[in-house]
Amino acid sequence: FHTYSAYERGLDGLGSTGSFLDLTALGRQEE
């Protein structure tokens, strides 16, 4: 399943583990 996409300036600030997980459907998987 496709859950999310972002482009161009929407990628600003990405690169760390947390920043990528924040884009996903399951997130950081914290309580």
Full PDB file with SEQRES, HELIX, SHEET, SSBOND, CRYST1, ORIGX, SCALE, CONECT and MASTER records, all heavy atoms in Angstrom:
SEQRES   1 A   31  PHE HIS THR TYR SER ALA TYR GLU ARG GLY LEU ASP GLY          
SEQRES   2 A   31  LEU GLY SER THR GLY SER PHE LEU ASP LEU THR ALA LEU          
SEQRES   3 A   31  GLY ARG GLN GLU GLU                                          
HELIX    1 AA1 GLU A    8  LEU A   11  5                                   4    
HELIX    2 AA2 THR A   17  LEU A   21  1                                   5    
CRYST1    1.000    1.000    1.000  90.00  90.00  90.00 P 1           1          
ORIGX1      1.000000  0.000000  0.000000        0.00000                         
ORIGX2      0.000000  1.000000  0.000000        0.00000                         
ORIGX3      0.000000  0.000000  1.000000        0.00000                         
SCALE1      1.000000  0.000000  0.000000        0.00000                         
SCALE2      0.000000  1.000000  0.000000        0.00000                         
SCALE3      0.000000  0.000000  1.000000        0.00000                         
ATOM      1  N   PHE A   1       0.840  -1.197   0.000  1.00  0.00           N  
ATOM      2  CA  PHE A   1       0.000   0.000   0.000  1.00  0.00           C  
ATOM      3  C   PHE A   1       0.879   1.252   0.000  1.00  0.00           C  
ATOM      4  O   PHE A   1       1.914   1.309   0.666  1.00  0.00           O  
ATOM      5  CB  PHE A   1      -0.896   0.018   1.236  1.00  0.00           C  
ATOM      6  CG  PHE A   1      -1.840  -1.151   1.322  1.00  0.00           C  
ATOM      7  CD1 PHE A   1      -1.436  -2.339   1.931  1.00  0.00           C  
ATOM      8  CD2 PHE A   1      -3.117  -1.074   0.790  1.00  0.00           C  
ATOM      9  CE1 PHE A   1      -2.296  -3.426   2.011  1.00  0.00           C  
ATOM     10  CE2 PHE A   1      -3.981  -2.156   0.864  1.00  0.00           C  
ATOM     11  CZ  PHE A   1      -3.571  -3.332   1.469  1.00  0.00           C  
ATOM     12  N   HIS A   2       0.442   2.248  -0.751  1.00  0.00           N  
ATOM     13  CA  HIS A   2       1.081   3.554  -0.752  1.00  0.00           C  
ATOM     14  C   HIS A   2       0.413   4.405   0.322  1.00  0.00           C  
ATOM     15  O   HIS A   2      -0.810   4.550   0.343  1.00  0.00           O  
ATOM     16  CB  HIS A   2       0.920   4.206  -2.128  1.00  0.00           C  
ATOM     17  CG  HIS A   2       1.428   5.611  -2.201  1.00  0.00           C  
ATOM     18  ND1 HIS A   2       0.739   6.629  -2.832  1.00  0.00           N  
ATOM     19  CD2 HIS A   2       2.564   6.180  -1.725  1.00  0.00           C  
ATOM     20  CE1 HIS A   2       1.425   7.744  -2.744  1.00  0.00           C  
ATOM     21  NE2 HIS A   2       2.533   7.510  -2.070  1.00  0.00           N  
ATOM     22  N   THR A   3       1.212   4.969   1.233  1.00  0.00           N  
ATOM     23  CA  THR A   3       0.655   5.729   2.350  1.00  0.00           C  
ATOM     24  C   THR A   3       0.950   7.220   2.284  1.00  0.00           C  
ATOM     25  O   THR A   3       0.175   8.027   2.810  1.00  0.00           O  
ATOM     26  CB  THR A   3       1.168   5.189   3.692  1.00  0.00           C  
ATOM     27  OG1 THR A   3       2.606   5.304   3.742  1.00  0.00           O  
ATOM     28  CG2 THR A   3       0.772   3.723   3.870  1.00  0.00           C  
ATOM     29  N   TYR A   4       2.071   7.615   1.644  1.00  0.00           N  
ATOM     30  CA  TYR A   4       2.426   9.038   1.682  1.00  0.00           C  
ATOM     31  C   TYR A   4       3.503   9.343   0.651  1.00  0.00           C  
ATOM     32  O   TYR A   4       4.342   8.491   0.346  1.00  0.00           O  
ATOM     33  CB  TYR A   4       2.948   9.419   3.072  1.00  0.00           C  
ATOM     34  CG  TYR A   4       3.246  10.894   3.245  1.00  0.00           C  
ATOM     35  CD1 TYR A   4       2.221  11.822   3.365  1.00  0.00           C  
ATOM     36  CD2 TYR A   4       4.561  11.358   3.279  1.00  0.00           C  
ATOM     37  CE1 TYR A   4       2.491  13.178   3.512  1.00  0.00           C  
ATOM     38  CE2 TYR A   4       4.842  12.714   3.430  1.00  0.00           C  
ATOM     39  CZ  TYR A   4       3.796  13.618   3.541  1.00  0.00           C  
ATOM     40  OH  TYR A   4       4.057  14.952   3.686  1.00  0.00           O  
ATOM     41  N   SER A   5       3.490  10.572   0.122  1.00  0.00           N  
ATOM     42  CA  SER A   5       4.574  11.079  -0.723  1.00  0.00           C  
ATOM     43  C   SER A   5       4.776  12.557  -0.432  1.00  0.00           C  
ATOM     44  O   SER A   5       3.826  13.276  -0.070  1.00  0.00           O  
ATOM     45  CB  SER A   5       4.266  10.893  -2.213  1.00  0.00           C  
ATOM     46  OG  SER A   5       4.405   9.554  -2.608  1.00  0.00           O  
ATOM     47  N   ALA A   6       6.020  13.025  -0.593  1.00  0.00           N  
ATOM     48  CA  ALA A   6       6.349  14.443  -0.453  1.00  0.00           C  
ATOM     49  C   ALA A   6       7.383  14.787  -1.515  1.00  0.00           C  
ATOM     50  O   ALA A   6       8.157  13.917  -1.954  1.00  0.00           O  
ATOM     51  CB  ALA A   6       6.895  14.745   0.945  1.00  0.00           C  
ATOM     52  N   TYR A   7       7.416  16.070  -1.904  1.00  0.00           N  
ATOM     53  CA  TYR A   7       8.273  16.481  -3.004  1.00  0.00           C  
ATOM     54  C   TYR A   7       8.968  17.807  -2.696  1.00  0.00           C  
ATOM     55  O   TYR A   7       8.478  18.612  -1.912  1.00  0.00           O  
ATOM     56  CB  TYR A   7       7.446  16.646  -4.294  1.00  0.00           C  
ATOM     57  CG  TYR A   7       6.571  15.454  -4.597  1.00  0.00           C  
ATOM     58  CD1 TYR A   7       5.223  15.454  -4.229  1.00  0.00           C  
ATOM     59  CD2 TYR A   7       7.075  14.324  -5.218  1.00  0.00           C  
ATOM     60  CE1 TYR A   7       4.407  14.362  -4.494  1.00  0.00           C  
ATOM     61  CE2 TYR A   7       6.277  13.222  -5.486  1.00  0.00           C  
ATOM     62  CZ  TYR A   7       4.943  13.250  -5.118  1.00  0.00           C  
ATOM     63  OH  TYR A   7       4.149  12.164  -5.366  1.00  0.00           O  
ATOM     64  N   GLU A   8      10.133  17.983  -3.304  1.00  0.00           N  
ATOM     65  CA  GLU A   8      10.863  19.247  -3.297  1.00  0.00           C  
ATOM     66  C   GLU A   8      11.012  19.820  -1.887  1.00  0.00           C  
ATOM     67  O   GLU A   8      11.636  19.219  -1.036  1.00  0.00           O  
ATOM     68  CB  GLU A   8      10.186  20.214  -4.285  1.00  0.00           C  
ATOM     69  CG  GLU A   8      10.224  19.663  -5.707  1.00  0.00           C  
ATOM     70  CD  GLU A   8       9.411  20.452  -6.709  1.00  0.00           C  
ATOM     71  OE1 GLU A   8       8.460  21.159  -6.303  1.00  0.00           O  
ATOM     72  OE2 GLU A   8       9.711  20.356  -7.920  1.00  0.00           O  
ATOM     73  N   ARG A   9      10.410  20.991  -1.580  1.00  0.00           N  
ATOM     74  CA  ARG A   9      10.584  21.587  -0.254  1.00  0.00           C  
ATOM     75  C   ARG A   9      10.001  20.724   0.852  1.00  0.00           C  
ATOM     76  O   ARG A   9      10.339  20.899   2.032  1.00  0.00           O  
ATOM     77  CB  ARG A   9       9.939  22.985  -0.211  1.00  0.00           C  
ATOM     78  CG  ARG A   9      10.678  24.067  -0.968  1.00  0.00           C  
ATOM     79  CD  ARG A   9      12.056  24.345  -0.378  1.00  0.00           C  
ATOM     80  NE  ARG A   9      12.031  24.646   1.036  1.00  0.00           N  
ATOM     81  CZ  ARG A   9      11.780  25.857   1.553  1.00  0.00           C  
ATOM     82  NH1 ARG A   9      11.519  26.880   0.746  1.00  0.00           N  
ATOM     83  NH2 ARG A   9      11.808  26.059   2.859  1.00  0.00           N  
ATOM     84  N   GLY A  10       9.116  19.783   0.494  1.00  0.00           N  
ATOM     85  CA  GLY A  10       8.586  18.866   1.486  1.00  0.00           C  
ATOM     86  C   GLY A  10       9.635  17.922   2.053  1.00  0.00           C  
ATOM     87  O   GLY A  10       9.388  17.233   3.046  1.00  0.00           O  
ATOM     88  N   LEU A  11      10.833  17.906   1.431  1.00  0.00           N  
ATOM     89  CA  LEU A  11      11.923  17.050   1.906  1.00  0.00           C  
ATOM     90  C   LEU A  11      12.857  17.781   2.864  1.00  0.00           C  
ATOM     91  O   LEU A  11      13.767  17.169   3.421  1.00  0.00           O  
ATOM     92  CB  LEU A  11      12.744  16.527   0.714  1.00  0.00           C  
ATOM     93  CG  LEU A  11      11.957  15.902  -0.441  1.00  0.00           C  
ATOM     94  CD1 LEU A  11      12.921  15.320  -1.470  1.00  0.00           C  
ATOM     95  CD2 LEU A  11      11.000  14.833   0.050  1.00  0.00           C  
ATOM     96  N   ASP A  12      12.638  19.088   3.041  1.00  0.00           N  
ATOM     97  CA  ASP A  12      13.496  19.851   3.947  1.00  0.00           C  
ATOM     98  C   ASP A  12      13.485  19.231   5.345  1.00  0.00           C  
ATOM     99  O   ASP A  12      12.430  18.917   5.891  1.00  0.00           O  
ATOM    100  CB  ASP A  12      13.006  21.302   4.054  1.00  0.00           C  
ATOM    101  CG  ASP A  12      13.305  22.107   2.803  1.00  0.00           C  
ATOM    102  OD1 ASP A  12      13.908  21.554   1.868  1.00  0.00           O  
ATOM    103  OD2 ASP A  12      12.921  23.294   2.764  1.00  0.00           O  
ATOM    104  N   GLY A  13      14.648  19.073   5.920  1.00  0.00           N  
ATOM    105  CA  GLY A  13      14.740  18.553   7.282  1.00  0.00           C  
ATOM    106  C   GLY A  13      14.788  17.042   7.371  1.00  0.00           C  
ATOM    107  O   GLY A  13      14.927  16.499   8.474  1.00  0.00           O  
ATOM    108  N   LEU A  14      14.662  16.340   6.244  1.00  0.00           N  
ATOM    109  CA  LEU A  14      14.728  14.878   6.273  1.00  0.00           C  
ATOM    110  C   LEU A  14      16.179  14.395   6.262  1.00  0.00           C  
ATOM    111  O   LEU A  14      17.082  15.103   5.846  1.00  0.00           O  
ATOM    112  CB  LEU A  14      13.988  14.280   5.071  1.00  0.00           C  
ATOM    113  CG  LEU A  14      12.487  14.536   4.985  1.00  0.00           C  
ATOM    114  CD1 LEU A  14      11.919  13.854   3.744  1.00  0.00           C  
ATOM    115  CD2 LEU A  14      11.783  14.037   6.233  1.00  0.00           C  
ATOM    116  N   GLY A  15      16.375  13.177   6.692  1.00  0.00           N  
ATOM    117  CA  GLY A  15      17.709  12.568   6.692  1.00  0.00           C  
ATOM    118  C   GLY A  15      17.954  11.719   7.923  1.00  0.00           C  
ATOM    119  O   GLY A  15      18.641  10.702   7.851  1.00  0.00           O  
ATOM    120  N   SER A  16      17.358  12.112   9.049  1.00  0.00           N  
ATOM    121  CA  SER A  16      17.537  11.336  10.272  1.00  0.00           C  
ATOM    122  C   SER A  16      16.520  10.201  10.346  1.00  0.00           C  
ATOM    123  O   SER A  16      15.510  10.204   9.635  1.00  0.00           O  
ATOM    124  CB  SER A  16      17.368  12.236  11.499  1.00  0.00           C  
ATOM    125  OG  SER A  16      16.026  12.700  11.577  1.00  0.00           O  
ATOM    126  N   THR A  17      16.773   9.238  11.216  1.00  0.00           N  
ATOM    127  CA  THR A  17      15.848   8.120  11.407  1.00  0.00           C  
ATOM    128  C   THR A  17      14.462   8.612  11.783  1.00  0.00           C  
ATOM    129  O   THR A  17      13.453   8.212  11.200  1.00  0.00           O  
ATOM    130  CB  THR A  17      16.386   7.180  12.497  1.00  0.00           C  
ATOM    131  OG1 THR A  17      17.644   6.634  12.081  1.00  0.00           O  
ATOM    132  CG2 THR A  17      15.407   6.043  12.766  1.00  0.00           C  
ATOM    133  N   GLY A  18      14.384   9.507  12.771  1.00  0.00           N  
ATOM    134  CA  GLY A  18      13.090  10.002  13.227  1.00  0.00           C  
ATOM    135  C   GLY A  18      12.328  10.749  12.142  1.00  0.00           C  
ATOM    136  O   GLY A  18      11.112  10.610  12.027  1.00  0.00           O  
ATOM    137  N   SER A  19      13.052  11.541  11.336  1.00  0.00           N  
ATOM    138  CA  SER A  19      12.373  12.318  10.299  1.00  0.00           C  
ATOM    139  C   SER A  19      11.743  11.422   9.247  1.00  0.00           C  
ATOM    140  O   SER A  19      10.650  11.716   8.751  1.00  0.00           O  
ATOM    141  CB  SER A  19      13.358  13.295   9.645  1.00  0.00           C  
ATOM    142  OG  SER A  19      14.350  12.617   8.885  1.00  0.00           O  
ATOM    143  N   PHE A  20      12.395  10.320   8.891  1.00  0.00           N  
ATOM    144  CA  PHE A  20      11.802   9.383   7.933  1.00  0.00           C  
ATOM    145  C   PHE A  20      10.621   8.639   8.555  1.00  0.00           C  
ATOM    146  O   PHE A  20       9.577   8.466   7.922  1.00  0.00           O  
ATOM    147  CB  PHE A  20      12.848   8.384   7.441  1.00  0.00           C  
ATOM    148  CG  PHE A  20      13.826   8.958   6.463  1.00  0.00           C  
ATOM    149  CD1 PHE A  20      15.187   8.815   6.660  1.00  0.00           C  
ATOM    150  CD2 PHE A  20      13.397   9.636   5.338  1.00  0.00           C  
ATOM    151  CE1 PHE A  20      16.102   9.343   5.763  1.00  0.00           C  
ATOM    152  CE2 PHE A  20      14.304  10.175   4.425  1.00  0.00           C  
ATOM    153  CZ  PHE A  20      15.661  10.025   4.637  1.00  0.00           C  
ATOM    154  N   LEU A  21      10.768   8.191   9.800  1.00  0.00           N  
ATOM    155  CA  LEU A  21       9.678   7.471  10.458  1.00  0.00           C  
ATOM    156  C   LEU A  21       8.441   8.346  10.602  1.00  0.00           C  
ATOM    157  O   LEU A  21       7.310   7.854  10.527  1.00  0.00           O  
ATOM    158  CB  LEU A  21      10.129   6.954  11.821  1.00  0.00           C  
ATOM    159  CG  LEU A  21      11.167   5.828  11.805  1.00  0.00           C  
ATOM    160  CD1 LEU A  21      11.648   5.537  13.220  1.00  0.00           C  
ATOM    161  CD2 LEU A  21      10.611   4.571  11.165  1.00  0.00           C  
ATOM    162  N   ASP A  22       8.638   9.653  10.786  1.00  0.00           N  
ATOM    163  CA  ASP A  22       7.502  10.569  10.923  1.00  0.00           C  
ATOM    164  C   ASP A  22       6.657  10.633   9.660  1.00  0.00           C  
ATOM    165  O   ASP A  22       5.500  11.066   9.705  1.00  0.00           O  
ATOM    166  CB  ASP A  22       7.988  11.973  11.284  1.00  0.00           C  
ATOM    167  CG  ASP A  22       8.401  12.090  12.736  1.00  0.00           C  
ATOM    168  OD1 ASP A  22       8.018  11.215  13.544  1.00  0.00           O  
ATOM    169  OD2 ASP A  22       9.122  13.049  13.076  1.00  0.00           O  
ATOM    170  N   LEU A  23       7.202  10.218   8.519  1.00  0.00           N  
ATOM    171  CA  LEU A  23       6.450  10.223   7.269  1.00  0.00           C  
ATOM    172  C   LEU A  23       5.647   8.945   7.062  1.00  0.00           C  
ATOM    173  O   LEU A  23       4.786   8.896   6.186  1.00  0.00           O  
ATOM    174  CB  LEU A  23       7.398  10.388   6.076  1.00  0.00           C  
ATOM    175  CG  LEU A  23       8.270  11.635   6.025  1.00  0.00           C  
ATOM    176  CD1 LEU A  23       9.069  11.648   4.730  1.00  0.00           C  
ATOM    177  CD2 LEU A  23       7.441  12.903   6.160  1.00  0.00           C  
ATOM    178  N   THR A  24       5.926   7.919   7.857  1.00  0.00           N  
ATOM    179  CA  THR A  24       5.341   6.605   7.622  1.00  0.00           C  
ATOM    180  C   THR A  24       4.029   6.414   8.375  1.00  0.00           C  
ATOM    181  O   THR A  24       3.718   7.133   9.326  1.00  0.00           O  
ATOM    182  CB  THR A  24       6.316   5.491   8.031  1.00  0.00           C  
ATOM    183  OG1 THR A  24       6.497   5.524   9.466  1.00  0.00           O  
ATOM    184  CG2 THR A  24       7.670   5.664   7.348  1.00  0.00           C  
ATOM    185  N   ALA A  25       3.287   5.396   7.957  1.00  0.00           N  
ATOM    186  CA  ALA A  25       1.995   5.098   8.580  1.00  0.00           C  
ATOM    187  C   ALA A  25       2.147   4.626  10.025  1.00  0.00           C  
ATOM    188  O   ALA A  25       1.272   4.860  10.856  1.00  0.00           O  
ATOM    189  CB  ALA A  25       1.254   4.044   7.762  1.00  0.00           C  
ATOM    190  N   LEU A  26       3.249   3.959  10.335  1.00  0.00           N  
ATOM    191  CA  LEU A  26       3.462   3.455  11.696  1.00  0.00           C  
ATOM    192  C   LEU A  26       4.222   4.437  12.572  1.00  0.00           C  
ATOM    193  O   LEU A  26       4.326   4.236  13.782  1.00  0.00           O  
ATOM    194  CB  LEU A  26       4.212   2.116  11.654  1.00  0.00           C  
ATOM    195  CG  LEU A  26       3.530   0.985  10.888  1.00  0.00           C  
ATOM    196  CD1 LEU A  26       4.348  -0.305  11.002  1.00  0.00           C  
ATOM    197  CD2 LEU A  26       2.103   0.755  11.371  1.00  0.00           C  
ATOM    198  N   GLY A  27       4.775   5.489  11.969  1.00  0.00           N  
ATOM    199  CA  GLY A  27       5.483   6.502  12.744  1.00  0.00           C  
ATOM    200  C   GLY A  27       6.696   5.958  13.471  1.00  0.00           C  
ATOM    201  O   GLY A  27       7.342   5.016  13.019  1.00  0.00           O  
ATOM    202  N   ARG A  28       6.986   6.551  14.615  1.00  0.00           N  
ATOM    203  CA  ARG A  28       8.139   6.114  15.424  1.00  0.00           C  
ATOM    204  C   ARG A  28       7.799   4.901  16.283  1.00  0.00           C  
ATOM    205  O   ARG A  28       8.638   4.394  17.005  1.00  0.00           O  
ATOM    206  CB  ARG A  28       8.631   7.258  16.299  1.00  0.00           C  
ATOM    207  CG  ARG A  28       9.016   8.496  15.496  1.00  0.00           C  
ATOM    208  CD  ARG A  28       9.690   9.544  16.345  1.00  0.00           C  
ATOM    209  NE  ARG A  28       9.916  10.766  15.574  1.00  0.00           N  
ATOM    210  CZ  ARG A  28      10.737  11.741  15.944  1.00  0.00           C  
ATOM    211  NH1 ARG A  28      11.407  11.638  17.090  1.00  0.00           N  
ATOM    212  NH2 ARG A  28      10.885  12.820  15.197  1.00  0.00           N  
ATOM    213  N   GLN A  29       6.530   4.494  16.237  1.00  0.00           N  
ATOM    214  CA  GLN A  29       6.060   3.295  16.931  1.00  0.00           C  
ATOM    215  C   GLN A  29       6.244   3.406  18.440  1.00  0.00           C  
ATOM    216  O   GLN A  29       6.626   2.450  19.119  1.00  0.00           O  
ATOM    217  CB  GLN A  29       6.773   2.059  16.371  1.00  0.00           C  
ATOM    218  CG  GLN A  29       6.555   1.883  14.871  1.00  0.00           C  
ATOM    219  CD  GLN A  29       7.575   0.997  14.216  1.00  0.00           C  
ATOM    220  OE1 GLN A  29       7.936  -0.047  14.763  1.00  0.00           O  
ATOM    221  NE2 GLN A  29       8.055   1.387  13.043  1.00  0.00           N  
ATOM    222  N   GLU A  30       5.966   4.603  18.956  1.00  0.00           N  
ATOM    223  CA  GLU A  30       6.080   4.869  20.383  1.00  0.00           C  
ATOM    224  C   GLU A  30       4.686   5.026  20.992  1.00  0.00           C  
ATOM    225  O   GLU A  30       3.738   5.429  20.324  1.00  0.00           O  
ATOM    226  CB  GLU A  30       6.921   6.127  20.609  1.00  0.00           C  
ATOM    227  CG  GLU A  30       8.351   5.977  20.076  1.00  0.00           C  
ATOM    228  CD  GLU A  30       9.137   7.268  20.106  1.00  0.00           C  
ATOM    229  OE1 GLU A  30       8.687   8.224  20.770  1.00  0.00           O  
ATOM    230  OE2 GLU A  30      10.198   7.331  19.462  1.00  0.00           O  
ATOM    231  N   GLU A  31       4.563   4.725  22.278  1.00  0.00           N  
ATOM    232  CA  GLU A  31       3.268   4.666  22.946  1.00  0.00           C  
ATOM    233  C   GLU A  31       2.537   6.012  22.961  1.00  0.00           C  
ATOM    234  O   GLU A  31       1.311   6.061  22.949  1.00  0.00           O  
ATOM    235  CB  GLU A  31       3.446   4.161  24.383  1.00  0.00           C  
ATOM    236  CG  GLU A  31       3.895   2.713  24.497  1.00  0.00           C  
ATOM    237  CD  GLU A  31       2.833   1.734  24.011  1.00  0.00           C  
ATOM    238  OE1 GLU A  31       1.652   2.141  23.870  1.00  0.00           O  
ATOM    239  OE2 GLU A  31       3.170   0.557  23.779  1.00  0.00           O  
TER     240      GLU A  31                                                      
MASTER        0    0    0    2    0    0    0    6  239    1    0    3          
END                                                                             
